[in-house]
Amino acid sequence: MSEHRQGSGPRIIAVANQKGGVGKTTTAINLAAALAEEGFRILVVDLDPQGNASTGLGVEPSERRYTTYDLLLDDAPIEEVIAATGFNNIWLCPATTDLSSADMDFGSADRRSFLLQRSLTQSGIARFEFNYILIDCPPSLSLLTVNAMVAAQSILVPLQSEFFALEGLSQLLLTVRQVRQSANPDLRIEGVVLTMYDGRNNLSQQVEQDARDNLGALVFNTVVPRNVRVSEAPSYAMPVLNYDPNSRGSQAYRALAREMMERHNTTPQQVEGQH
């Protein structure tokens, strides 16, 4: 029997692709920023041992008192793990390299695929009134990623516009199917977003055509261009929407957020500041 939570509450989306370097963390951070700009309250859950989403949202390692490791392995209260960021309407469950041993540490844990789901349904999360929870998964189909899939309602897949881009997607979809059968029958693919797209490049155009031919409406109309501002923003510990609000990358992530809102038939919730 599935233990997946239904009903009201935040929409939980796992941002996943087992291949590294596809713009996964960049997409998680900047989609969060674009949705927050619309007035939604966003929690980013950093589930990657590299902790890049945490750094990219301006939370330094020394400031990560409690982390997703504490949340999953030590049953820490989620309200103690959730940290404010310097960005309006965005909160964070930070990660550190402690997570790199999580798969081994999960070994004897009771119902080890349900640890994140259990954490995200703690009563303490309700007071934050989140509209979206975005989970930044590690670049692997590890037990951490499975935990994200069990906890989530949908999977957003960033797909780099390069040769062999679609090759690894079949394994990801197979894992999604297995999670549906074993733990979360309502899990679906939120969509596929093409990243690092160069419209002047024949290869980018070919990857887009192949993706749309094979995946149809699952592929978002919005494509995220290869953009120097998107690449620079993490070194300043901020989303590109804050670093350069008028850049092509910022405009693309705003368009992606709007397209997602249309798919969900949701409207902005204007929220005044943070707690």
C-alpha atoms as a PDB file:
ATOM      1  CA  MET A   1       0.000   0.000   0.000  1.00  0.00           C
ATOM      2  CA  SER A   2       1.303   3.435  -0.862  1.00  0.00           C
ATOM      3  CA  GLU A   3       2.086   5.873   1.926  1.00  0.00           C
ATOM      4  CA  HIS A   4       2.281   8.820  -0.463  1.00  0.00           C
ATOM      5  CA  ARG A   5       0.556  11.845   0.990  1.00  0.00           C
ATOM      6  CA  GLN A   6      -2.368  13.184  -0.989  1.00  0.00           C
ATOM      7  CA  GLY A   7      -4.634  16.136  -0.576  1.00  0.00           C
ATOM      8  CA  SER A   8      -3.769  19.726   0.246  1.00  0.00           C
ATOM      9  CA  GLY A   9      -0.311  21.016   0.960  1.00  0.00           C
ATOM     10  CA  PRO A  10       2.697  22.054  -1.096  1.00  0.00           C
ATOM     11  CA  ARG A  11       3.353  20.657  -4.538  1.00  0.00           C
ATOM     12  CA  ILE A  12       6.530  18.561  -4.238  1.00  0.00           C
ATOM     13  CA  ILE A  13       8.724  18.328  -7.329  1.00  0.00           C
ATOM     14  CA  ALA A  14      12.010  16.395  -7.547  1.00  0.00           C
ATOM     15  CA  VAL A  15      14.518  17.848  -9.992  1.00  0.00           C
ATOM     16  CA  ALA A  16      16.393  14.774 -11.203  1.00  0.00           C
ATOM     17  CA  ASN A  17      18.745  13.461 -13.839  1.00  0.00           C
ATOM     18  CA  GLN A  18      21.373  10.842 -13.053  1.00  0.00           C
ATOM     19  CA  LYS A  19      23.780  12.558 -15.434  1.00  0.00           C
ATOM     20  CA  GLY A  20      25.812  15.396 -13.934  1.00  0.00           C
ATOM     21  CA  GLY A  21      26.395  18.749 -15.566  1.00  0.00           C
ATOM     22  CA  VAL A  22      22.948  19.059 -17.136  1.00  0.00           C
ATOM     23  CA  GLY A  23      21.824  22.150 -15.232  1.00  0.00           C
ATOM     24  CA  LYS A  24      19.911  20.297 -12.529  1.00  0.00           C
ATOM     25  CA  THR A  25      20.907  22.446  -9.557  1.00  0.00           C
ATOM     26  CA  THR A  26      20.798  25.586 -11.709  1.00  0.00           C
ATOM     27  CA  THR A  27      17.234  24.710 -12.678  1.00  0.00           C
ATOM     28  CA  ALA A  28      16.204  23.981  -9.073  1.00  0.00           C
ATOM     29  CA  ILE A  29      17.600  27.299  -7.805  1.00  0.00           C
ATOM     30  CA  ASN A  30      16.322  29.487 -10.618  1.00  0.00           C
ATOM     31  CA  LEU A  31      12.903  27.866 -10.898  1.00  0.00           C
ATOM     32  CA  ALA A  32      12.599  28.451  -7.150  1.00  0.00           C
ATOM     33  CA  ALA A  33      13.554  32.104  -7.677  1.00  0.00           C
ATOM     34  CA  ALA A  34      11.089  32.531 -10.546  1.00  0.00           C
ATOM     35  CA  LEU A  35       8.213  30.989  -8.568  1.00  0.00           C
ATOM     36  CA  ALA A  36       9.155  33.073  -5.526  1.00  0.00           C
ATOM     37  CA  GLU A  37       9.085  36.180  -7.709  1.00  0.00           C
ATOM     38  CA  GLU A  38       5.469  35.290  -8.511  1.00  0.00           C
ATOM     39  CA  GLY A  39       4.688  35.340  -4.793  1.00  0.00           C
ATOM     40  CA  PHE A  40       4.812  31.607  -4.044  1.00  0.00           C
ATOM     41  CA  ARG A  41       6.532  30.348  -0.914  1.00  0.00           C
ATOM     42  CA  ILE A  42       9.265  27.906  -1.847  1.00  0.00           C
ATOM     43  CA  LEU A  43      11.325  25.339   0.041  1.00  0.00           C
ATOM     44  CA  VAL A  44      14.424  23.985  -1.714  1.00  0.00           C
ATOM     45  CA  VAL A  45      15.561  20.641  -0.288  1.00  0.00           C
ATOM     46  CA  ASP A  46      19.230  20.074  -1.104  1.00  0.00           C
ATOM     47  CA  LEU A  47      19.681  16.317  -1.410  1.00  0.00           C
ATOM     48  CA  ASP A  48      23.024  16.476  -3.233  1.00  0.00           C
ATOM     49  CA  PRO A  49      26.142  15.820  -1.102  1.00  0.00           C
ATOM     50  CA  GLN A  50      27.953  18.511  -3.092  1.00  0.00           C
ATOM     51  CA  GLY A  51      25.621  21.066  -1.497  1.00  0.00           C
ATOM     52  CA  ASN A  52      25.629  23.279  -4.587  1.00  0.00           C
ATOM     53  CA  ALA A  53      22.021  24.381  -4.178  1.00  0.00           C
ATOM     54  CA  SER A  54      22.831  25.480  -0.634  1.00  0.00           C
ATOM     55  CA  THR A  55      25.857  27.471  -1.787  1.00  0.00           C
ATOM     56  CA  GLY A  56      23.940  28.863  -4.749  1.00  0.00           C
ATOM     57  CA  LEU A  57      21.310  30.232  -2.376  1.00  0.00           C
ATOM     58  CA  GLY A  58      23.927  31.965  -0.265  1.00  0.00           C
ATOM     59  CA  VAL A  59      24.054  29.585   2.726  1.00  0.00           C
ATOM     60  CA  GLU A  60      27.716  28.932   3.542  1.00  0.00           C
ATOM     61  CA  PRO A  61      28.838  25.532   4.940  1.00  0.00           C
ATOM     62  CA  SER A  62      29.603  27.145   8.311  1.00  0.00           C
ATOM     63  CA  GLU A  63      25.976  28.299   8.504  1.00  0.00           C
ATOM     64  CA  ARG A  64      24.498  24.826   7.924  1.00  0.00           C
ATOM     65  CA  ARG A  65      23.886  23.890  11.538  1.00  0.00           C
ATOM     66  CA  TYR A  66      21.310  21.226  10.696  1.00  0.00           C
ATOM     67  CA  THR A  67      21.144  19.568   7.296  1.00  0.00           C
ATOM     68  CA  THR A  68      19.156  17.090   5.240  1.00  0.00           C
ATOM     69  CA  TYR A  69      21.396  14.381   6.713  1.00  0.00           C
ATOM     70  CA  ASP A  70      20.071  15.245  10.180  1.00  0.00           C
ATOM     71  CA  LEU A  71      16.566  15.299   8.755  1.00  0.00           C
ATOM     72  CA  LEU A  72      16.805  11.837   7.183  1.00  0.00           C
ATOM     73  CA  LEU A  73      19.078   9.939   9.533  1.00  0.00           C
ATOM     74  CA  ASP A  74      18.601  11.588  12.909  1.00  0.00           C
ATOM     75  CA  ASP A  75      14.901  12.489  12.700  1.00  0.00           C
ATOM     76  CA  ALA A  76      15.695  16.165  13.330  1.00  0.00           C
ATOM     77  CA  PRO A  77      12.594  18.400  13.531  1.00  0.00           C
ATOM     78  CA  ILE A  78      12.155  19.926  10.107  1.00  0.00           C
ATOM     79  CA  GLU A  79      11.581  23.401  11.510  1.00  0.00           C
ATOM     80  CA  GLU A  80      15.151  23.251  12.875  1.00  0.00           C
ATOM     81  CA  VAL A  81      16.588  22.173   9.527  1.00  0.00           C
ATOM     82  CA  ILE A  82      14.751  24.759   7.404  1.00  0.00           C
ATOM     83  CA  ALA A  83      16.949  27.826   7.022  1.00  0.00           C
ATOM     84  CA  ALA A  84      16.036  31.266   5.728  1.00  0.00           C
ATOM     85  CA  THR A  85      17.925  32.461   2.666  1.00  0.00           C
ATOM     86  CA  GLY A  86      18.620  36.037   1.697  1.00  0.00           C
ATOM     87  CA  PHE A  87      15.987  35.769  -1.029  1.00  0.00           C
ATOM     88  CA  ASN A  88      12.370  36.660  -0.494  1.00  0.00           C
ATOM     89  CA  ASN A  89       9.983  33.675  -0.266  1.00  0.00           C
ATOM     90  CA  ILE A  90      12.769  31.055  -0.543  1.00  0.00           C
ATOM     91  CA  TRP A  91      13.788  28.727   2.311  1.00  0.00           C
ATOM     92  CA  LEU A  92      16.301  25.899   2.278  1.00  0.00           C
ATOM     93  CA  CYS A  93      17.022  22.518   3.820  1.00  0.00           C
ATOM     94  CA  PRO A  94      20.809  22.631   3.307  1.00  0.00           C
ATOM     95  CA  ALA A  95      23.190  19.775   2.553  1.00  0.00           C
ATOM     96  CA  THR A  96      26.823  19.007   3.342  1.00  0.00           C
ATOM     97  CA  THR A  97      29.219  16.232   2.345  1.00  0.00           C
ATOM     98  CA  ASP A  98      27.779  14.190   5.249  1.00  0.00           C
ATOM     99  CA  LEU A  99      25.157  13.052   2.735  1.00  0.00           C
ATOM    100  CA  SER A 100      27.816  11.234   0.695  1.00  0.00           C
ATOM    101  CA  SER A 101      27.622   8.299   3.108  1.00  0.00           C
ATOM    102  CA  ALA A 102      23.829   8.320   3.272  1.00  0.00           C
ATOM    103  CA  ASP A 103      23.300   5.266   1.090  1.00  0.00           C
ATOM    104  CA  MET A 104      25.431   3.163   3.435  1.00  0.00           C
ATOM    105  CA  ASP A 105      23.918   4.763   6.527  1.00  0.00           C
ATOM    106  CA  PHE A 106      20.412   4.041   5.215  1.00  0.00           C
ATOM    107  CA  GLY A 107      21.278   0.346   5.189  1.00  0.00           C
ATOM    108  CA  SER A 108      19.552  -0.601   8.423  1.00  0.00           C
ATOM    109  CA  ALA A 109      17.009   2.224   8.516  1.00  0.00           C
ATOM    110  CA  ASP A 110      13.380   1.240   8.818  1.00  0.00           C
ATOM    111  CA  ARG A 111      11.527   1.793   5.523  1.00  0.00           C
ATOM    112  CA  ARG A 112      14.594   3.479   4.110  1.00  0.00           C
ATOM    113  CA  SER A 113      12.932   4.686   0.896  1.00  0.00           C
ATOM    114  CA  PHE A 114      10.340   6.649   2.895  1.00  0.00           C
ATOM    115  CA  LEU A 115      12.655   8.735   5.091  1.00  0.00           C
ATOM    116  CA  LEU A 116      12.318  11.982   3.139  1.00  0.00           C
ATOM    117  CA  GLN A 117       8.574  11.572   2.717  1.00  0.00           C
ATOM    118  CA  ARG A 118       8.246  11.091   6.461  1.00  0.00           C
ATOM    119  CA  SER A 119      10.347  14.218   7.070  1.00  0.00           C
ATOM    120  CA  LEU A 120       8.348  16.398   4.678  1.00  0.00           C
ATOM    121  CA  THR A 121       5.079  15.403   6.336  1.00  0.00           C
ATOM    122  CA  GLN A 122       6.150  16.432   9.845  1.00  0.00           C
ATOM    123  CA  SER A 123       3.591  18.713  11.427  1.00  0.00           C
ATOM    124  CA  GLY A 124       6.206  21.435  11.966  1.00  0.00           C
ATOM    125  CA  ILE A 125       6.356  22.207   8.249  1.00  0.00           C
ATOM    126  CA  ALA A 126       2.757  23.442   8.125  1.00  0.00           C
ATOM    127  CA  ARG A 127       3.471  26.839   9.687  1.00  0.00           C
ATOM    128  CA  PHE A 128       5.706  27.797   6.751  1.00  0.00           C
ATOM    129  CA  GLU A 129       2.753  27.484   4.336  1.00  0.00           C
ATOM    130  CA  PHE A 130       4.932  26.452   1.406  1.00  0.00           C
ATOM    131  CA  ASN A 131       3.355  26.359  -2.041  1.00  0.00           C
ATOM    132  CA  TYR A 132       6.177  24.414  -3.690  1.00  0.00           C
ATOM    133  CA  ILE A 133       8.930  22.124  -2.428  1.00  0.00           C
ATOM    134  CA  LEU A 134      11.712  21.582  -4.962  1.00  0.00           C
ATOM    135  CA  ILE A 135      14.104  18.707  -4.247  1.00  0.00           C
ATOM    136  CA  ASP A 136      17.545  18.974  -5.840  1.00  0.00           C
ATOM    137  CA  CYS A 137      18.603  15.352  -6.337  1.00  0.00           C
ATOM    138  CA  PRO A 138      22.166  14.028  -6.620  1.00  0.00           C
ATOM    139  CA  PRO A 139      23.430  13.151 -10.127  1.00  0.00           C
ATOM    140  CA  SER A 140      22.785   9.434  -9.667  1.00  0.00           C
ATOM    141  CA  LEU A 141      19.916   6.996  -9.232  1.00  0.00           C
ATOM    142  CA  SER A 142      20.913   6.399  -5.620  1.00  0.00           C
ATOM    143  CA  LEU A 143      18.772   5.761  -2.577  1.00  0.00           C
ATOM    144  CA  LEU A 144      18.696   9.532  -2.038  1.00  0.00           C
ATOM    145  CA  THR A 145      17.076   9.994  -5.459  1.00  0.00           C
ATOM    146  CA  VAL A 146      14.631   7.177  -4.732  1.00  0.00           C
ATOM    147  CA  ASN A 147      13.710   8.934  -1.475  1.00  0.00           C
ATOM    148  CA  ALA A 148      13.005  12.088  -3.479  1.00  0.00           C
ATOM    149  CA  MET A 149      10.807  10.151  -5.917  1.00  0.00           C
ATOM    150  CA  VAL A 150       8.842   8.556  -3.091  1.00  0.00           C
ATOM    151  CA  ALA A 151       8.300  11.942  -1.438  1.00  0.00           C
ATOM    152  CA  ALA A 152       7.467  13.855  -4.625  1.00  0.00           C
ATOM    153  CA  GLN A 153       4.341  14.176  -6.713  1.00  0.00           C
ATOM    154  CA  SER A 154       6.342  14.671  -9.908  1.00  0.00           C
ATOM    155  CA  ILE A 155       9.800  14.664 -11.478  1.00  0.00           C
ATOM    156  CA  LEU A 156      11.237  17.584 -13.453  1.00  0.00           C
ATOM    157  CA  VAL A 157      14.033  16.433 -15.763  1.00  0.00           C
ATOM    158  CA  PRO A 158      16.609  18.948 -17.035  1.00  0.00           C
ATOM    159  CA  LEU A 159      18.033  17.675 -20.328  1.00  0.00           C
ATOM    160  CA  GLN A 160      21.232  19.169 -21.687  1.00  0.00           C
ATOM    161  CA  SER A 161      21.153  19.966 -25.388  1.00  0.00           C
ATOM    162  CA  GLU A 162      24.058  17.717 -26.344  1.00  0.00           C
ATOM    163  CA  PHE A 163      24.818  14.412 -28.071  1.00  0.00           C
ATOM    164  CA  PHE A 164      23.494  11.303 -26.245  1.00  0.00           C
ATOM    165  CA  ALA A 165      21.220  13.527 -24.121  1.00  0.00           C
ATOM    166  CA  LEU A 166      18.284  11.135 -24.425  1.00  0.00           C
ATOM    167  CA  GLU A 167      20.353   8.017 -23.806  1.00  0.00           C
ATOM    168  CA  GLY A 168      20.328   8.143 -20.012  1.00  0.00           C
ATOM    169  CA  LEU A 169      16.683   9.115 -19.837  1.00  0.00           C
ATOM    170  CA  SER A 170      15.471   5.535 -20.284  1.00  0.00           C
ATOM    171  CA  GLN A 171      17.114   4.437 -17.008  1.00  0.00           C
ATOM    172  CA  LEU A 172      15.550   7.372 -15.165  1.00  0.00           C
ATOM    173  CA  LEU A 173      12.115   6.511 -16.549  1.00  0.00           C
ATOM    174  CA  LEU A 174      12.622   2.876 -15.560  1.00  0.00           C
ATOM    175  CA  THR A 175      13.387   3.959 -11.982  1.00  0.00           C
ATOM    176  CA  VAL A 176      10.261   6.127 -11.979  1.00  0.00           C
ATOM    177  CA  ARG A 177       8.233   3.101 -13.111  1.00  0.00           C
ATOM    178  CA  GLN A 178       9.719   0.961 -10.328  1.00  0.00           C
ATOM    179  CA  VAL A 179       8.923   3.605  -7.695  1.00  0.00           C
ATOM    180  CA  ARG A 180       5.355   3.807  -9.012  1.00  0.00           C
ATOM    181  CA  GLN A 181       4.973   0.059  -8.640  1.00  0.00           C
ATOM    182  CA  SER A 182       6.505  -0.185  -5.184  1.00  0.00           C
ATOM    183  CA  ALA A 183       5.943   3.023  -3.242  1.00  0.00           C
ATOM    184  CA  ASN A 184       4.314   5.969  -5.012  1.00  0.00           C
ATOM    185  CA  PRO A 185       1.759   5.014  -7.676  1.00  0.00           C
ATOM    186  CA  ASP A 186       0.822   8.657  -8.302  1.00  0.00           C
ATOM    187  CA  LEU A 187       4.342   9.795  -9.236  1.00  0.00           C
ATOM    188  CA  ARG A 188       4.416  11.373 -12.675  1.00  0.00           C
ATOM    189  CA  ILE A 189       6.823  13.175 -14.951  1.00  0.00           C
ATOM    190  CA  GLU A 190       6.357  16.916 -14.465  1.00  0.00           C
ATOM    191  CA  GLY A 191       8.154  17.528 -17.712  1.00  0.00           C
ATOM    192  CA  VAL A 192      11.491  17.724 -19.463  1.00  0.00           C
ATOM    193  CA  VAL A 193      13.232  21.083 -19.841  1.00  0.00           C
ATOM    194  CA  LEU A 194      16.008  21.566 -22.374  1.00  0.00           C
ATOM    195  CA  THR A 195      18.985  23.370 -20.843  1.00  0.00           C
ATOM    196  CA  MET A 196      22.190  24.941 -22.214  1.00  0.00           C
ATOM    197  CA  TYR A 197      20.418  25.417 -25.527  1.00  0.00           C
ATOM    198  CA  ASP A 198      22.164  27.207 -28.374  1.00  0.00           C
ATOM    199  CA  GLY A 199      19.742  27.986 -31.177  1.00  0.00           C
ATOM    200  CA  ARG A 200      22.640  28.651 -33.575  1.00  0.00           C
ATOM    201  CA  ASN A 201      23.911  25.128 -33.052  1.00  0.00           C
ATOM    202  CA  ASN A 202      22.556  22.345 -35.263  1.00  0.00           C
ATOM    203  CA  LEU A 203      23.136  19.813 -32.486  1.00  0.00           C
ATOM    204  CA  SER A 204      20.910  21.733 -30.043  1.00  0.00           C
ATOM    205  CA  GLN A 205      18.184  21.885 -32.666  1.00  0.00           C
ATOM    206  CA  GLN A 206      18.529  18.157 -33.364  1.00  0.00           C
ATOM    207  CA  VAL A 207      18.362  17.248 -29.654  1.00  0.00           C
ATOM    208  CA  GLU A 208      15.246  19.398 -29.305  1.00  0.00           C
ATOM    209  CA  GLN A 209      13.625  17.733 -32.309  1.00  0.00           C
ATOM    210  CA  ASP A 210      14.485  14.243 -31.013  1.00  0.00           C
ATOM    211  CA  ALA A 211      13.159  15.092 -27.538  1.00  0.00           C
ATOM    212  CA  ARG A 212       9.880  16.470 -28.886  1.00  0.00           C
ATOM    213  CA  ASP A 213       9.481  13.539 -31.308  1.00  0.00           C
ATOM    214  CA  ASN A 214      10.040  10.973 -28.542  1.00  0.00           C
ATOM    215  CA  LEU A 215       8.468  12.680 -25.537  1.00  0.00           C
ATOM    216  CA  GLY A 216       5.833  14.940 -27.073  1.00  0.00           C
ATOM    217  CA  ALA A 217       3.994  17.205 -24.658  1.00  0.00           C
ATOM    218  CA  LEU A 218       6.273  16.188 -21.770  1.00  0.00           C
ATOM    219  CA  VAL A 219       8.868  18.609 -23.156  1.00  0.00           C
ATOM    220  CA  PHE A 220       8.304  22.170 -21.987  1.00  0.00           C
ATOM    221  CA  ASN A 221       7.961  24.790 -24.705  1.00  0.00           C
ATOM    222  CA  THR A 222      10.483  26.884 -22.774  1.00  0.00           C
ATOM    223  CA  VAL A 223      14.146  26.141 -23.454  1.00  0.00           C
ATOM    224  CA  VAL A 224      16.919  27.504 -21.231  1.00  0.00           C
ATOM    225  CA  PRO A 225      19.659  29.063 -23.351  1.00  0.00           C
ATOM    226  CA  ARG A 226      23.365  28.707 -22.830  1.00  0.00           C
ATOM    227  CA  ASN A 227      23.949  32.028 -21.086  1.00  0.00           C
ATOM    228  CA  VAL A 228      27.054  33.420 -19.429  1.00  0.00           C
ATOM    229  CA  ARG A 229      24.986  35.135 -16.714  1.00  0.00           C
ATOM    230  CA  VAL A 230      23.480  31.773 -15.682  1.00  0.00           C
ATOM    231  CA  SER A 231      27.024  30.385 -15.383  1.00  0.00           C
ATOM    232  CA  GLU A 232      28.315  33.366 -13.406  1.00  0.00           C
ATOM    233  CA  ALA A 233      25.494  33.646 -10.873  1.00  0.00           C
ATOM    234  CA  PRO A 234      26.506  30.682  -8.619  1.00  0.00           C
ATOM    235  CA  SER A 235      29.926  32.235  -7.990  1.00  0.00           C
ATOM    236  CA  TYR A 236      28.061  35.185  -6.479  1.00  0.00           C
ATOM    237  CA  ALA A 237      25.886  32.802  -4.400  1.00  0.00           C
ATOM    238  CA  MET A 238      22.624  33.902  -5.952  1.00  0.00           C
ATOM    239  CA  PRO A 239      20.067  32.860  -8.582  1.00  0.00           C
ATOM    240  CA  VAL A 240      20.529  34.448 -11.991  1.00  0.00           C
ATOM    241  CA  LEU A 241      17.199  36.252 -11.490  1.00  0.00           C
ATOM    242  CA  ASN A 242      18.848  38.221  -8.694  1.00  0.00           C
ATOM    243  CA  TYR A 243      22.279  38.486 -10.297  1.00  0.00           C
ATOM    244  CA  ASP A 244      21.021  39.803 -13.640  1.00  0.00           C
ATOM    245  CA  PRO A 245      17.208  40.043 -13.717  1.00  0.00           C
ATOM    246  CA  ASN A 246      17.119  41.045 -17.396  1.00  0.00           C
ATOM    247  CA  SER A 247      19.400  38.329 -18.757  1.00  0.00           C
ATOM    248  CA  ARG A 248      18.169  35.758 -21.263  1.00  0.00           C
ATOM    249  CA  GLY A 249      18.614  33.083 -18.615  1.00  0.00           C
ATOM    250  CA  SER A 250      16.399  34.954 -16.146  1.00  0.00           C
ATOM    251  CA  GLN A 251      13.732  35.452 -18.778  1.00  0.00           C
ATOM    252  CA  ALA A 252      13.823  31.733 -19.620  1.00  0.00           C
ATOM    253  CA  TYR A 253      13.339  30.609 -16.013  1.00  0.00           C
ATOM    254  CA  ARG A 254      10.464  33.060 -15.583  1.00  0.00           C
ATOM    255  CA  ALA A 255       8.877  31.584 -18.720  1.00  0.00           C
ATOM    256  CA  LEU A 256       9.405  28.057 -17.354  1.00  0.00           C
ATOM    257  CA  ALA A 257       7.731  29.022 -14.063  1.00  0.00           C
ATOM    258  CA  ARG A 258       4.766  30.527 -15.906  1.00  0.00           C
ATOM    259  CA  GLU A 259       4.432  27.469 -18.116  1.00  0.00           C
ATOM    260  CA  MET A 260       4.484  25.229 -15.048  1.00  0.00           C
ATOM    261  CA  MET A 261       1.870  27.397 -13.341  1.00  0.00           C
ATOM    262  CA  GLU A 262      -0.352  27.075 -16.410  1.00  0.00           C
ATOM    263  CA  ARG A 263       0.020  23.288 -16.345  1.00  0.00           C
ATOM    264  CA  HIS A 264      -0.938  23.273 -12.665  1.00  0.00           C
ATOM    265  CA  ASN A 265      -3.654  25.873 -13.166  1.00  0.00           C
ATOM    266  CA  THR A 266      -2.261  27.787 -10.190  1.00  0.00           C
ATOM    267  CA  THR A 267      -2.240  31.525  -9.561  1.00  0.00           C
ATOM    268  CA  PRO A 268       0.368  33.552  -7.694  1.00  0.00           C
ATOM    269  CA  GLN A 269      -0.046  33.781  -3.958  1.00  0.00           C
ATOM    270  CA  GLN A 270       1.195  37.228  -2.991  1.00  0.00           C
ATOM    271  CA  VAL A 271       3.092  36.792   0.242  1.00  0.00           C
ATOM    272  CA  GLU A 272       4.526  39.588   2.324  1.00  0.00           C
ATOM    273  CA  GLY A 273       8.124  38.814   3.190  1.00  0.00           C
ATOM    274  CA  GLN A 274       9.493  35.919   5.161  1.00  0.00           C
ATOM    275  CA  HIS A 275       9.023  34.791   8.734  1.00  0.00           C
END
